[in-house]
Amino acid sequence: MPSYRARAIYRTVAACITILALVSAVEAVDTRDTRLLGQPAVSASHIAFIYAGDLWSARHDGRDPQLKRQSKSF
């Protein structure tokens, strides 16, 4: 029989996984509209990606998007 502490940790982890799954389902991205998105990179606090040839970065939650480098127009 697991100790009280082990059961508490298990319940906490299970609750976090459940909440994460619910939040992910609510904020799911429509992948049909991301054809111009590519090469994502993730750091501790930000994500960087190429969109339509331009380099962008944003926080993990999508706030504060910044255009870092614009591709040349032909």
N, C-alpha and C. Protein backbone atom coordinates (compact mmCIF):
# COMPACT_ATOMS: atom_id res chain seq x y z
N MET A 1 0.84 -1.18 0.00
CA MET A 1 0.00 0.00 0.00
C MET A 1 0.89 1.25 0.00
N PRO A 2 0.70 2.15 -0.97
CA PRO A 2 1.52 3.37 -1.02
C PRO A 2 1.27 4.25 0.20
N SER A 3 2.28 5.01 0.55
CA SER A 3 2.16 5.91 1.69
C SER A 3 1.21 7.07 1.37
N TYR A 4 0.84 7.79 2.41
CA TYR A 4 -0.05 8.94 2.23
C TYR A 4 0.60 9.96 1.30
N ARG A 5 1.89 10.20 1.47
CA ARG A 5 2.60 11.18 0.63
C ARG A 5 2.61 10.74 -0.84
N ALA A 6 2.84 9.47 -1.10
CA ALA A 6 2.85 8.96 -2.47
C ALA A 6 1.47 9.11 -3.11
N ARG A 7 0.41 8.82 -2.35
CA ARG A 7 -0.96 8.97 -2.88
C ARG A 7 -1.26 10.43 -3.17
N ALA A 8 -0.79 11.34 -2.30
CA ALA A 8 -1.02 12.78 -2.51
C ALA A 8 -0.30 13.25 -3.77
N ILE A 9 0.92 12.79 -3.97
CA ILE A 9 1.67 13.17 -5.17
C ILE A 9 0.97 12.61 -6.41
N TYR A 10 0.52 11.37 -6.34
CA TYR A 10 -0.18 10.75 -7.46
C TYR A 10 -1.44 11.54 -7.81
N ARG A 11 -2.22 11.92 -6.80
CA ARG A 11 -3.45 12.69 -7.05
C ARG A 11 -3.13 14.05 -7.67
N THR A 12 -2.07 14.70 -7.19
CA THR A 12 -1.68 16.00 -7.73
C THR A 12 -1.26 15.88 -9.20
N VAL A 13 -0.45 14.88 -9.50
CA VAL A 13 -0.01 14.67 -10.88
C VAL A 13 -1.19 14.34 -11.77
N ALA A 14 -2.09 13.49 -11.30
CA ALA A 14 -3.27 13.12 -12.09
C ALA A 14 -4.15 14.35 -12.34
N ALA A 15 -4.31 15.21 -11.34
CA ALA A 15 -5.11 16.42 -11.51
C ALA A 15 -4.46 17.36 -12.52
N CYS A 16 -3.14 17.51 -12.46
CA CYS A 16 -2.43 18.38 -13.41
C CYS A 16 -2.56 17.87 -14.84
N ILE A 17 -2.43 16.56 -15.01
CA ILE A 17 -2.57 15.98 -16.35
C ILE A 17 -3.98 16.19 -16.89
N THR A 18 -4.98 16.01 -16.02
CA THR A 18 -6.37 16.20 -16.44
C THR A 18 -6.62 17.66 -16.83
N ILE A 19 -6.14 18.59 -16.03
CA ILE A 19 -6.32 20.02 -16.34
C ILE A 19 -5.60 20.38 -17.63
N LEU A 20 -4.39 19.87 -17.80
CA LEU A 20 -3.65 20.14 -19.04
C LEU A 20 -4.38 19.60 -20.26
N ALA A 21 -4.94 18.41 -20.14
CA ALA A 21 -5.68 17.83 -21.26
C ALA A 21 -6.91 18.66 -21.59
N LEU A 22 -7.61 19.14 -20.57
CA LEU A 22 -8.81 19.95 -20.80
C LEU A 22 -8.45 21.30 -21.44
N VAL A 23 -7.40 21.93 -20.95
CA VAL A 23 -6.99 23.22 -21.51
C VAL A 23 -6.52 23.04 -22.95
N SER A 24 -5.79 21.98 -23.22
CA SER A 24 -5.33 21.72 -24.58
C SER A 24 -6.50 21.51 -25.54
N ALA A 25 -7.52 20.83 -25.07
CA ALA A 25 -8.68 20.58 -25.92
C ALA A 25 -9.43 21.88 -26.21
N VAL A 26 -9.50 22.77 -25.23
CA VAL A 26 -10.21 24.03 -25.40
C VAL A 26 -9.47 24.95 -26.35
N GLU A 27 -8.15 24.98 -26.26
CA GLU A 27 -7.35 25.89 -27.06
C GLU A 27 -6.68 25.18 -28.23
N ALA A 28 -7.32 24.19 -28.78
CA ALA A 28 -6.74 23.44 -29.90
C ALA A 28 -6.62 24.35 -31.13
N VAL A 29 -5.57 24.15 -31.87
CA VAL A 29 -5.31 24.95 -33.08
C VAL A 29 -5.94 24.25 -34.27
N ASP A 30 -6.55 25.04 -35.12
CA ASP A 30 -7.10 24.50 -36.36
C ASP A 30 -5.94 24.27 -37.32
N THR A 31 -5.50 23.03 -37.45
CA THR A 31 -4.32 22.72 -38.25
C THR A 31 -4.55 22.91 -39.74
N ARG A 32 -5.79 23.04 -40.15
CA ARG A 32 -6.05 23.29 -41.58
C ARG A 32 -5.60 24.68 -41.99
N ASP A 33 -5.41 25.57 -41.00
CA ASP A 33 -5.07 26.96 -41.29
C ASP A 33 -3.61 27.28 -40.96
N THR A 34 -2.75 26.27 -40.88
CA THR A 34 -1.35 26.50 -40.51
C THR A 34 -0.38 26.04 -41.59
N ARG A 35 -0.80 26.07 -42.82
CA ARG A 35 0.07 25.60 -43.90
C ARG A 35 1.31 26.46 -44.09
N LEU A 36 1.27 27.72 -43.67
CA LEU A 36 2.42 28.60 -43.84
C LEU A 36 3.32 28.59 -42.61
N LEU A 37 3.01 27.77 -41.60
CA LEU A 37 3.76 27.70 -40.36
C LEU A 37 4.77 26.57 -40.42
N GLY A 38 6.00 26.84 -39.99
CA GLY A 38 7.01 25.78 -40.02
C GLY A 38 8.17 26.04 -39.09
N GLN A 39 8.97 25.04 -38.88
CA GLN A 39 10.20 25.06 -38.12
C GLN A 39 10.05 25.65 -36.72
N PRO A 40 9.16 25.12 -35.88
CA PRO A 40 9.01 25.66 -34.52
C PRO A 40 10.22 25.30 -33.65
N ALA A 41 10.56 26.19 -32.74
CA ALA A 41 11.62 25.96 -31.75
C ALA A 41 11.10 26.45 -30.41
N VAL A 42 11.37 25.70 -29.35
CA VAL A 42 10.85 26.02 -28.02
C VAL A 42 11.99 26.24 -27.05
N SER A 43 11.91 27.34 -26.29
CA SER A 43 12.88 27.60 -25.23
C SER A 43 12.13 27.53 -23.90
N ALA A 44 12.79 27.93 -22.83
CA ALA A 44 12.16 27.87 -21.50
C ALA A 44 10.97 28.82 -21.40
N SER A 45 10.99 29.93 -22.12
CA SER A 45 9.92 30.91 -21.97
C SER A 45 9.24 31.32 -23.27
N HIS A 46 9.83 30.99 -24.42
CA HIS A 46 9.29 31.46 -25.70
C HIS A 46 9.27 30.35 -26.74
N ILE A 47 8.51 30.61 -27.79
CA ILE A 47 8.54 29.77 -28.97
C ILE A 47 8.96 30.64 -30.15
N ALA A 48 9.65 30.07 -31.09
CA ALA A 48 10.03 30.78 -32.32
C ALA A 48 9.57 29.91 -33.48
N PHE A 49 9.16 30.55 -34.55
CA PHE A 49 8.66 29.80 -35.69
C PHE A 49 8.75 30.64 -36.95
N ILE A 50 8.69 29.97 -38.07
CA ILE A 50 8.66 30.63 -39.37
C ILE A 50 7.20 30.63 -39.82
N TYR A 51 6.69 31.80 -40.20
CA TYR A 51 5.35 31.89 -40.75
C TYR A 51 5.42 32.69 -42.03
N ALA A 52 5.07 32.06 -43.13
CA ALA A 52 5.08 32.70 -44.45
C ALA A 52 6.46 33.28 -44.78
N GLY A 53 7.52 32.59 -44.33
CA GLY A 53 8.87 33.03 -44.62
C GLY A 53 9.44 34.04 -43.65
N ASP A 54 8.64 34.51 -42.69
CA ASP A 54 9.10 35.48 -41.70
C ASP A 54 9.37 34.77 -40.37
N LEU A 55 10.39 35.24 -39.62
CA LEU A 55 10.73 34.66 -38.32
C LEU A 55 9.98 35.40 -37.23
N TRP A 56 9.24 34.66 -36.40
CA TRP A 56 8.44 35.21 -35.31
C TRP A 56 8.84 34.56 -34.00
N SER A 57 8.58 35.27 -32.88
CA SER A 57 8.70 34.66 -31.56
C SER A 57 7.52 35.15 -30.72
N ALA A 58 7.16 34.34 -29.72
CA ALA A 58 6.06 34.68 -28.83
C ALA A 58 6.25 33.92 -27.52
N ARG A 59 5.53 34.35 -26.49
CA ARG A 59 5.54 33.60 -25.23
C ARG A 59 4.83 32.28 -25.44
N HIS A 60 5.02 31.35 -24.52
CA HIS A 60 4.39 30.03 -24.65
C HIS A 60 2.87 30.11 -24.76
N ASP A 61 2.26 31.10 -24.11
CA ASP A 61 0.80 31.22 -24.15
C ASP A 61 0.30 31.99 -25.37
N GLY A 62 1.22 32.39 -26.25
CA GLY A 62 0.83 33.08 -27.47
C GLY A 62 0.83 34.60 -27.36
N ARG A 63 1.05 35.12 -26.16
CA ARG A 63 1.07 36.57 -25.98
C ARG A 63 2.38 37.16 -26.50
N ASP A 64 2.36 38.43 -26.78
CA ASP A 64 3.53 39.21 -27.17
C ASP A 64 4.24 38.66 -28.42
N PRO A 65 3.50 38.44 -29.51
CA PRO A 65 4.19 37.99 -30.74
C PRO A 65 5.03 39.11 -31.32
N GLN A 66 6.23 38.77 -31.77
CA GLN A 66 7.14 39.77 -32.33
C GLN A 66 7.74 39.25 -33.63
N LEU A 67 7.72 40.10 -34.64
CA LEU A 67 8.36 39.78 -35.91
C LEU A 67 9.85 40.04 -35.72
N LYS A 68 10.65 39.00 -35.86
CA LYS A 68 12.09 39.12 -35.65
C LYS A 68 12.85 39.41 -36.94
N ARG A 69 12.42 38.76 -38.02
CA ARG A 69 13.10 38.98 -39.30
C ARG A 69 12.10 38.75 -40.43
N GLN A 70 12.00 39.72 -41.29
CA GLN A 70 11.07 39.64 -42.42
C GLN A 70 11.82 39.13 -43.64
N SER A 71 11.18 38.21 -44.36
CA SER A 71 11.80 37.68 -45.57
C SER A 71 11.80 38.76 -46.66
N LYS A 72 12.71 38.63 -47.60
CA LYS A 72 12.77 39.56 -48.71
C LYS A 72 11.62 39.32 -49.65
N SER A 73 11.02 40.40 -50.11
CA SER A 73 9.93 40.29 -51.09
C SER A 73 10.52 40.33 -52.49
N PHE A 74 9.98 39.49 -53.33
CA PHE A 74 10.45 39.46 -54.72
C PHE A 74 9.39 39.95 -55.63
